[in-house]
N, C-alpha and C. Protein backbone atom coordinates (compact mmCIF):
# COMPACT_ATOMS: atom_id res chain seq x y z
N UNK A 1 6.01 131.78 79.80
CA UNK A 1 6.75 131.62 81.39
C UNK A 1 6.01 130.56 81.99
N UNK A 2 4.80 129.96 81.81
CA UNK A 2 4.55 129.07 82.89
C UNK A 2 5.50 127.63 82.54
N UNK A 3 5.32 127.56 81.89
CA UNK A 3 6.59 126.36 81.38
C UNK A 3 7.64 126.21 81.67
N UNK A 4 8.38 127.61 82.07
CA UNK A 4 9.59 127.49 82.44
C UNK A 4 9.69 127.35 83.79
N UNK A 5 8.12 127.68 84.45
CA UNK A 5 7.64 127.45 86.14
C UNK A 5 7.82 126.18 86.41
N UNK A 6 7.21 125.64 85.58
CA UNK A 6 6.96 123.88 85.42
C UNK A 6 8.31 123.04 85.56
N UNK A 7 9.10 123.70 84.63
CA UNK A 7 10.17 122.89 84.90
C UNK A 7 11.22 122.95 85.74
N UNK A 8 11.29 124.49 86.43
CA UNK A 8 11.96 124.80 87.38
C UNK A 8 11.51 123.83 88.85
N UNK A 9 10.20 123.55 88.92
CA UNK A 9 9.78 123.02 89.90
C UNK A 9 9.94 121.33 89.75
N UNK A 10 10.08 121.30 88.44
CA UNK A 10 10.37 119.61 88.54
C UNK A 10 12.00 119.18 88.99
N UNK A 11 12.61 120.50 88.26
CA UNK A 11 14.31 120.55 88.89
C UNK A 11 14.39 120.25 89.95
N UNK A 12 13.70 121.10 90.69
CA UNK A 12 13.79 121.30 92.32
C UNK A 12 13.17 120.10 92.96
N UNK A 13 12.09 119.65 92.44
CA UNK A 13 11.56 117.99 92.86
C UNK A 13 12.74 117.18 92.93
N UNK A 14 13.10 117.25 91.55
CA UNK A 14 14.15 116.22 91.40
C UNK A 14 15.38 116.41 92.22
N UNK A 15 15.86 117.42 92.12
CA UNK A 15 17.32 117.72 93.16
C UNK A 15 16.54 117.04 95.01
N UNK A 16 15.21 117.50 95.18
CA UNK A 16 15.21 117.08 96.55
C UNK A 16 14.96 115.66 96.98
N UNK A 17 14.79 114.76 95.57
CA UNK A 17 14.47 113.51 95.92
C UNK A 17 15.80 112.49 95.60
N UNK A 18 16.88 113.36 94.93
CA UNK A 18 18.18 112.69 94.91
C UNK A 18 18.74 113.02 95.96
N UNK A 19 18.67 114.47 96.47
CA UNK A 19 19.51 114.57 98.44
C UNK A 19 19.08 113.63 98.89
N UNK A 20 17.53 113.89 99.52
CA UNK A 20 17.26 112.69 100.15
C UNK A 20 17.60 111.33 99.93
N UNK A 21 17.73 110.62 98.27
CA UNK A 21 18.36 109.08 98.48
C UNK A 21 19.58 109.26 98.59
N UNK A 22 20.61 110.15 98.79
CA UNK A 22 22.13 110.58 99.23
C UNK A 22 21.82 110.11 100.68
N UNK A 23 21.04 110.99 101.41
CA UNK A 23 21.11 110.91 102.84
C UNK A 23 20.82 109.48 103.36
N UNK A 24 19.72 109.00 102.55
CA UNK A 24 19.03 107.46 103.18
C UNK A 24 20.48 106.21 102.72
N UNK A 25 21.19 106.67 101.66
CA UNK A 25 22.22 105.91 101.62
C UNK A 25 23.33 105.95 102.59
N UNK A 26 23.57 107.27 102.95
CA UNK A 26 24.49 107.60 103.97
C UNK A 26 24.17 106.80 105.06
N UNK A 27 23.15 106.78 105.48
CA UNK A 27 22.62 106.06 106.87
C UNK A 27 22.40 104.63 106.76
N UNK A 28 22.50 104.20 105.36
CA UNK A 28 22.31 102.68 105.47
C UNK A 28 23.70 102.39 105.37
N UNK A 29 24.58 103.01 105.23
CA UNK A 29 26.38 102.90 105.32
C UNK A 29 26.82 102.02 103.83
N UNK A 30 25.87 102.94 102.97
CA UNK A 30 26.69 102.79 101.38
C UNK A 30 28.23 103.65 101.34
N UNK A 31 28.84 103.41 100.90
CA UNK A 31 30.24 103.87 101.22
C UNK A 31 30.33 104.49 99.60
N UNK A 32 29.55 105.93 99.69
CA UNK A 32 29.89 106.94 98.67
C UNK A 32 30.79 107.44 99.43
N UNK A 33 31.88 107.88 98.07
CA UNK A 33 32.83 108.65 98.50
C UNK A 33 34.07 108.01 99.41
N UNK A 34 33.92 106.78 99.30
CA UNK A 34 34.96 105.95 99.86
C UNK A 34 34.92 104.97 99.02
N UNK A 35 34.74 104.53 97.61
CA UNK A 35 35.07 103.61 96.95
C UNK A 35 36.02 103.45 96.14
N UNK A 36 36.69 102.39 96.09
CA UNK A 36 37.73 102.09 94.77
C UNK A 36 38.06 103.02 94.08
N UNK A 37 38.92 103.77 94.16
CA UNK A 37 38.59 104.53 92.79
C UNK A 37 38.75 106.16 93.07
N UNK A 38 38.29 106.59 94.48
CA UNK A 38 38.12 107.54 95.30
C UNK A 38 39.76 108.16 95.96
N UNK A 39 40.41 108.96 95.66
CA UNK A 39 41.56 109.14 96.07
C UNK A 39 41.63 110.23 96.93
N UNK A 40 42.24 110.44 98.18
CA UNK A 40 42.66 110.92 99.34
C UNK A 40 43.87 111.39 99.22
N UNK A 41 44.18 112.51 99.13
CA UNK A 41 45.76 112.83 99.67
C UNK A 41 45.97 113.76 100.62
N UNK A 42 46.60 113.13 101.99
CA UNK A 42 47.00 114.13 102.92
C UNK A 42 48.87 114.00 103.27
N UNK A 43 48.43 115.27 103.62
CA UNK A 43 50.29 115.75 103.69
C UNK A 43 49.71 117.19 105.01
N UNK A 44 50.07 116.49 106.15
CA UNK A 44 50.54 117.81 107.41
C UNK A 44 48.96 118.20 107.22
N UNK A 45 48.87 119.20 107.45
CA UNK A 45 47.30 120.15 107.31
C UNK A 45 46.30 119.88 106.30
N UNK A 46 47.10 119.36 104.88
CA UNK A 46 46.46 119.52 103.77
C UNK A 46 45.83 118.21 103.35
N UNK A 47 44.67 118.32 103.11
CA UNK A 47 43.52 117.05 102.80
C UNK A 47 42.77 117.22 101.44
N UNK A 48 42.97 116.60 100.62
CA UNK A 48 42.35 116.80 98.97
C UNK A 48 41.73 115.41 98.33
N UNK A 49 40.63 115.66 98.35
CA UNK A 49 39.67 114.38 97.91
C UNK A 49 39.28 114.47 96.71
N UNK A 50 39.47 113.54 95.63
CA UNK A 50 38.99 113.00 94.50
C UNK A 50 38.15 111.96 94.18
N UNK A 51 36.82 112.07 94.42
CA UNK A 51 35.82 111.34 94.61
C UNK A 51 35.52 110.70 92.96
N UNK A 52 36.52 110.24 92.09
CA UNK A 52 36.47 109.77 90.46
C UNK A 52 35.21 108.56 90.54
N UNK A 53 35.77 107.31 90.74
CA UNK A 53 34.77 106.53 91.09
C UNK A 53 33.09 107.08 91.77
N UNK A 54 32.81 107.99 92.47
CA UNK A 54 31.77 108.08 93.27
C UNK A 54 30.99 108.91 92.01
N UNK A 55 31.84 109.50 91.60
CA UNK A 55 31.28 111.10 90.42
C UNK A 55 31.08 109.97 89.00
N UNK A 56 31.58 109.27 88.82
CA UNK A 56 31.17 108.36 87.79
C UNK A 56 29.90 107.91 88.02
N UNK A 57 29.95 106.80 88.78
CA UNK A 57 28.67 106.32 89.66
C UNK A 57 27.16 107.27 89.40
N UNK A 58 27.40 108.21 90.08
CA UNK A 58 26.24 108.93 90.03
C UNK A 58 26.18 109.72 88.47
N UNK A 59 27.27 109.97 87.97
CA UNK A 59 27.16 110.29 86.37
C UNK A 59 26.22 109.54 85.69
N UNK A 60 26.62 108.78 85.98
CA UNK A 60 25.82 106.89 85.36
C UNK A 60 24.30 106.90 85.79
N UNK A 61 23.78 106.91 86.86
CA UNK A 61 23.05 106.73 87.32
C UNK A 61 21.87 107.95 87.20
N UNK A 62 22.64 108.78 86.98
CA UNK A 62 21.52 110.42 86.82
C UNK A 62 21.29 110.20 85.55
N UNK A 63 22.32 110.19 84.33
CA UNK A 63 21.87 109.93 83.23
C UNK A 63 20.95 109.15 83.07
N UNK A 64 21.10 108.18 83.52
CA UNK A 64 19.73 106.75 82.85
C UNK A 64 18.61 107.56 83.62
N UNK A 65 18.57 108.15 84.57
CA UNK A 65 17.24 108.75 85.35
C UNK A 65 16.50 109.93 84.51
N UNK A 66 17.59 110.82 84.24
CA UNK A 66 16.95 111.68 83.22
C UNK A 66 16.62 111.54 81.60
N UNK A 67 17.31 110.55 81.27
CA UNK A 67 17.15 110.11 79.79
C UNK A 67 15.33 109.63 80.11
N UNK A 68 15.39 108.49 81.44
CA UNK A 68 13.74 107.95 81.37
C UNK A 68 12.82 109.32 81.49
N UNK A 69 13.00 109.99 82.52
CA UNK A 69 12.28 111.34 82.64
C UNK A 69 11.98 111.78 81.71
N UNK A 70 13.17 112.42 80.43
CA UNK A 70 12.71 112.72 79.45
C UNK A 70 11.70 112.22 78.18
N UNK A 71 12.02 110.82 77.87
CA UNK A 71 11.07 109.97 77.58
C UNK A 71 9.66 109.84 78.08
N UNK A 72 9.35 109.88 79.17
CA UNK A 72 8.38 109.82 79.81
C UNK A 72 7.90 111.27 79.33
N UNK A 73 8.18 112.12 79.57
CA UNK A 73 7.50 113.44 79.45
C UNK A 73 7.22 114.06 77.66
N UNK A 74 7.84 113.63 77.19
CA UNK A 74 7.32 113.40 75.79
C UNK A 74 6.30 113.00 75.21
């Protein structure tokens, strides 16, 4: 049960770091959510946002980070 607690703490710390990184990127003016390939549909009172390019970019970055972390923990 102690190893589960360690994994949850590690995951929480990782999420905290990723959130902090996203806040810093927003302050520096990096246009996450407004990349080419992010679709916005507006009609009347309806706005639908599909951040396809941002999702793919974040997925690739997180995959690399998690693979490095998994190799480091072995």
